[in-house]
């Protein structure tokens, strides 16, 4: 059982590393009520929403931070999809750094602890 979890974490880390290598840009997406969505996250967000998994925000990380998608969680708070980290806020999930890039501190802390 633990070996399976280790394998899953390793695979998730590789996926995140590949996503961070992608060039990203924003689109104003009419499917998602004119929200700005990073290009390569659009299909995943669409698939999640079509599967009745509500998304509340997403960011590719722009090569500096880990990609994130905020989804519903059992209970009061939302959680981040790739890490499974619960985000203890109802809104304003993302923080902006000095370069105007968005990130979630709890998620960055999680990935740092995984190394």
C-alpha atoms as a PDB file:
ATOM      1  CA  UNK A   1       0.000   0.000   0.000  1.00  0.00           C
ATOM      2  CA  UNK A   2       2.721   2.495   0.943  1.00  0.00           C
ATOM      3  CA  UNK A   3       4.680   1.612  -2.186  1.00  0.00           C
ATOM      4  CA  UNK A   4       1.625   2.522  -4.269  1.00  0.00           C
ATOM      5  CA  UNK A   5       1.426   5.912  -2.539  1.00  0.00           C
ATOM      6  CA  UNK A   6       5.131   6.554  -3.173  1.00  0.00           C
ATOM      7  CA  UNK A   7       4.680   5.677  -6.846  1.00  0.00           C
ATOM      8  CA  UNK A   8       1.658   7.994  -7.102  1.00  0.00           C
ATOM      9  CA  UNK A   9       3.585  10.904  -5.517  1.00  0.00           C
ATOM     10  CA  UNK A  10       6.509  10.334  -7.892  1.00  0.00           C
ATOM     11  CA  UNK A  11       4.146  10.268 -10.903  1.00  0.00           C
ATOM     12  CA  UNK A  12       2.335  13.429  -9.691  1.00  0.00           C
ATOM     13  CA  UNK A  13       5.666  15.203  -9.262  1.00  0.00           C
ATOM     14  CA  UNK A  14       6.663  14.299 -12.826  1.00  0.00           C
ATOM     15  CA  UNK A  15       3.348  15.601 -14.176  1.00  0.00           C
ATOM     16  CA  UNK A  16       3.808  18.887 -12.314  1.00  0.00           C
ATOM     17  CA  UNK A  17       7.371  19.209 -13.642  1.00  0.00           C
ATOM     18  CA  UNK A  18       6.152  18.675 -17.221  1.00  0.00           C
ATOM     19  CA  UNK A  19       3.361  21.239 -16.791  1.00  0.00           C
ATOM     20  CA  UNK A  20       5.875  23.791 -15.518  1.00  0.00           C
ATOM     21  CA  UNK A  21       7.918  23.358 -18.717  1.00  0.00           C
ATOM     22  CA  UNK A  22       4.945  24.413 -20.870  1.00  0.00           C
ATOM     23  CA  UNK A  23       4.677  27.885 -22.272  1.00  0.00           C
ATOM     24  CA  UNK A  24       1.511  29.456 -20.992  1.00  0.00           C
ATOM     25  CA  UNK A  25      -0.686  32.361 -21.855  1.00  0.00           C
ATOM     26  CA  UNK A  26      -4.143  33.490 -20.911  1.00  0.00           C
ATOM     27  CA  UNK A  27      -7.325  33.231 -22.884  1.00  0.00           C
ATOM     28  CA  UNK A  28     -10.620  34.887 -22.106  1.00  0.00           C
ATOM     29  CA  UNK A  29     -12.679  31.744 -22.241  1.00  0.00           C
ATOM     30  CA  UNK A  30     -16.417  32.126 -22.944  1.00  0.00           C
ATOM     31  CA  UNK A  31     -17.012  28.524 -21.844  1.00  0.00           C
ATOM     32  CA  UNK A  32     -15.860  29.474 -18.353  1.00  0.00           C
ATOM     33  CA  UNK A  33     -17.814  32.731 -18.045  1.00  0.00           C
ATOM     34  CA  UNK A  34     -15.027  34.890 -19.482  1.00  0.00           C
ATOM     35  CA  UNK A  35     -12.532  33.945 -16.777  1.00  0.00           C
ATOM     36  CA  UNK A  36      -8.861  34.072 -17.615  1.00  0.00           C
ATOM     37  CA  UNK A  37      -7.566  30.520 -17.916  1.00  0.00           C
ATOM     38  CA  UNK A  38      -4.045  29.432 -18.773  1.00  0.00           C
ATOM     39  CA  UNK A  39      -4.145  27.826 -22.214  1.00  0.00           C
ATOM     40  CA  UNK A  40      -2.934  24.363 -21.307  1.00  0.00           C
ATOM     41  CA  UNK A  41      -5.237  24.109 -18.258  1.00  0.00           C
ATOM     42  CA  UNK A  42      -8.355  24.900 -20.278  1.00  0.00           C
ATOM     43  CA  UNK A  43      -9.125  21.321 -21.385  1.00  0.00           C
ATOM     44  CA  UNK A  44      -8.567  19.934 -17.891  1.00  0.00           C
ATOM     45  CA  UNK A  45     -10.782  22.591 -16.299  1.00  0.00           C
ATOM     46  CA  UNK A  46     -13.467  21.927 -18.929  1.00  0.00           C
ATOM     47  CA  UNK A  47     -13.305  18.170 -18.294  1.00  0.00           C
ATOM     48  CA  UNK A  48     -13.534  18.662 -14.525  1.00  0.00           C
ATOM     49  CA  UNK A  49     -16.546  20.940 -14.860  1.00  0.00           C
ATOM     50  CA  UNK A  50     -18.257  18.583 -17.316  1.00  0.00           C
ATOM     51  CA  UNK A  51     -17.670  15.803 -14.761  1.00  0.00           C
ATOM     52  CA  UNK A  52     -19.526  17.942 -12.200  1.00  0.00           C
ATOM     53  CA  UNK A  53     -16.337  18.828 -10.318  1.00  0.00           C
ATOM     54  CA  UNK A  54     -16.636  22.563  -9.789  1.00  0.00           C
ATOM     55  CA  UNK A  55     -13.466  24.586 -10.230  1.00  0.00           C
ATOM     56  CA  UNK A  56     -12.897  27.922  -8.491  1.00  0.00           C
ATOM     57  CA  UNK A  57      -9.562  29.050  -9.865  1.00  0.00           C
ATOM     58  CA  UNK A  58      -6.476  27.828 -11.642  1.00  0.00           C
ATOM     59  CA  UNK A  59      -2.963  28.939 -12.452  1.00  0.00           C
ATOM     60  CA  UNK A  60      -0.174  27.310 -14.427  1.00  0.00           C
ATOM     61  CA  UNK A  61       2.519  28.634 -12.095  1.00  0.00           C
ATOM     62  CA  UNK A  62       4.237  30.265 -15.094  1.00  0.00           C
ATOM     63  CA  UNK A  63       7.386  28.212 -14.580  1.00  0.00           C
ATOM     64  CA  UNK A  64       8.000  29.659 -11.124  1.00  0.00           C
ATOM     65  CA  UNK A  65       5.280  28.008  -9.027  1.00  0.00           C
ATOM     66  CA  UNK A  66       3.454  24.701  -9.159  1.00  0.00           C
ATOM     67  CA  UNK A  67       0.298  24.581 -11.286  1.00  0.00           C
ATOM     68  CA  UNK A  68      -2.905  24.655  -9.287  1.00  0.00           C
ATOM     69  CA  UNK A  69      -6.623  24.089  -9.732  1.00  0.00           C
ATOM     70  CA  UNK A  70      -8.999  24.816  -6.854  1.00  0.00           C
ATOM     71  CA  UNK A  71     -11.917  22.360  -6.576  1.00  0.00           C
ATOM     72  CA  UNK A  72     -14.705  21.518  -4.143  1.00  0.00           C
ATOM     73  CA  UNK A  73     -13.789  19.528  -1.065  1.00  0.00           C
ATOM     74  CA  UNK A  74     -15.881  17.608   1.431  1.00  0.00           C
ATOM     75  CA  UNK A  75     -16.515  20.044   4.240  1.00  0.00           C
ATOM     76  CA  UNK A  76     -16.175  23.776   4.500  1.00  0.00           C
ATOM     77  CA  UNK A  77     -12.961  24.589   2.594  1.00  0.00           C
ATOM     78  CA  UNK A  78     -11.799  24.049  -0.991  1.00  0.00           C
ATOM     79  CA  UNK A  79      -8.759  21.998  -1.994  1.00  0.00           C
ATOM     80  CA  UNK A  80      -6.069  22.116  -4.626  1.00  0.00           C
ATOM     81  CA  UNK A  81      -6.332  19.279  -7.157  1.00  0.00           C
ATOM     82  CA  UNK A  82      -2.691  18.265  -7.830  1.00  0.00           C
ATOM     83  CA  UNK A  83      -1.434  18.336  -4.237  1.00  0.00           C
ATOM     84  CA  UNK A  84      -4.666  17.590  -2.373  1.00  0.00           C
ATOM     85  CA  UNK A  85      -3.881  20.481  -0.014  1.00  0.00           C
ATOM     86  CA  UNK A  86      -6.907  22.001   1.703  1.00  0.00           C
ATOM     87  CA  UNK A  87      -6.972  25.784   1.275  1.00  0.00           C
ATOM     88  CA  UNK A  88      -8.472  27.349   4.415  1.00  0.00           C
ATOM     89  CA  UNK A  89     -10.158  30.297   2.670  1.00  0.00           C
ATOM     90  CA  UNK A  90     -13.557  30.753   1.029  1.00  0.00           C
ATOM     91  CA  UNK A  91     -12.224  33.218  -1.544  1.00  0.00           C
ATOM     92  CA  UNK A  92      -8.920  34.790  -2.568  1.00  0.00           C
ATOM     93  CA  UNK A  93      -7.119  31.475  -2.796  1.00  0.00           C
ATOM     94  CA  UNK A  94      -4.110  32.985  -4.554  1.00  0.00           C
ATOM     95  CA  UNK A  95      -1.450  35.390  -3.338  1.00  0.00           C
ATOM     96  CA  UNK A  96       0.394  37.686  -5.757  1.00  0.00           C
ATOM     97  CA  UNK A  97       4.177  37.899  -5.617  1.00  0.00           C
ATOM     98  CA  UNK A  98       6.325  40.947  -6.459  1.00  0.00           C
ATOM     99  CA  UNK A  99       6.260  39.969 -10.169  1.00  0.00           C
ATOM    100  CA  UNK A 100       2.437  39.779 -10.208  1.00  0.00           C
ATOM    101  CA  UNK A 101       2.454  35.973 -10.420  1.00  0.00           C
ATOM    102  CA  UNK A 102      -0.195  34.056  -8.501  1.00  0.00           C
ATOM    103  CA  UNK A 103       0.511  31.181  -6.123  1.00  0.00           C
ATOM    104  CA  UNK A 104      -0.998  29.400  -3.131  1.00  0.00           C
ATOM    105  CA  UNK A 105       1.391  29.457  -0.135  1.00  0.00           C
ATOM    106  CA  UNK A 106       0.045  26.215   1.355  1.00  0.00           C
ATOM    107  CA  UNK A 107       0.605  24.370  -1.920  1.00  0.00           C
ATOM    108  CA  UNK A 108       4.149  25.676  -2.355  1.00  0.00           C
ATOM    109  CA  UNK A 109       4.901  24.625   1.231  1.00  0.00           C
ATOM    110  CA  UNK A 110       3.514  21.134   0.511  1.00  0.00           C
ATOM    111  CA  UNK A 111       5.690  20.643  -2.591  1.00  0.00           C
ATOM    112  CA  UNK A 112       8.766  21.995  -0.816  1.00  0.00           C
ATOM    113  CA  UNK A 113       8.259  19.422   1.968  1.00  0.00           C
ATOM    114  CA  UNK A 114       7.971  16.630  -0.646  1.00  0.00           C
ATOM    115  CA  UNK A 115      11.543  17.167  -1.869  1.00  0.00           C
END
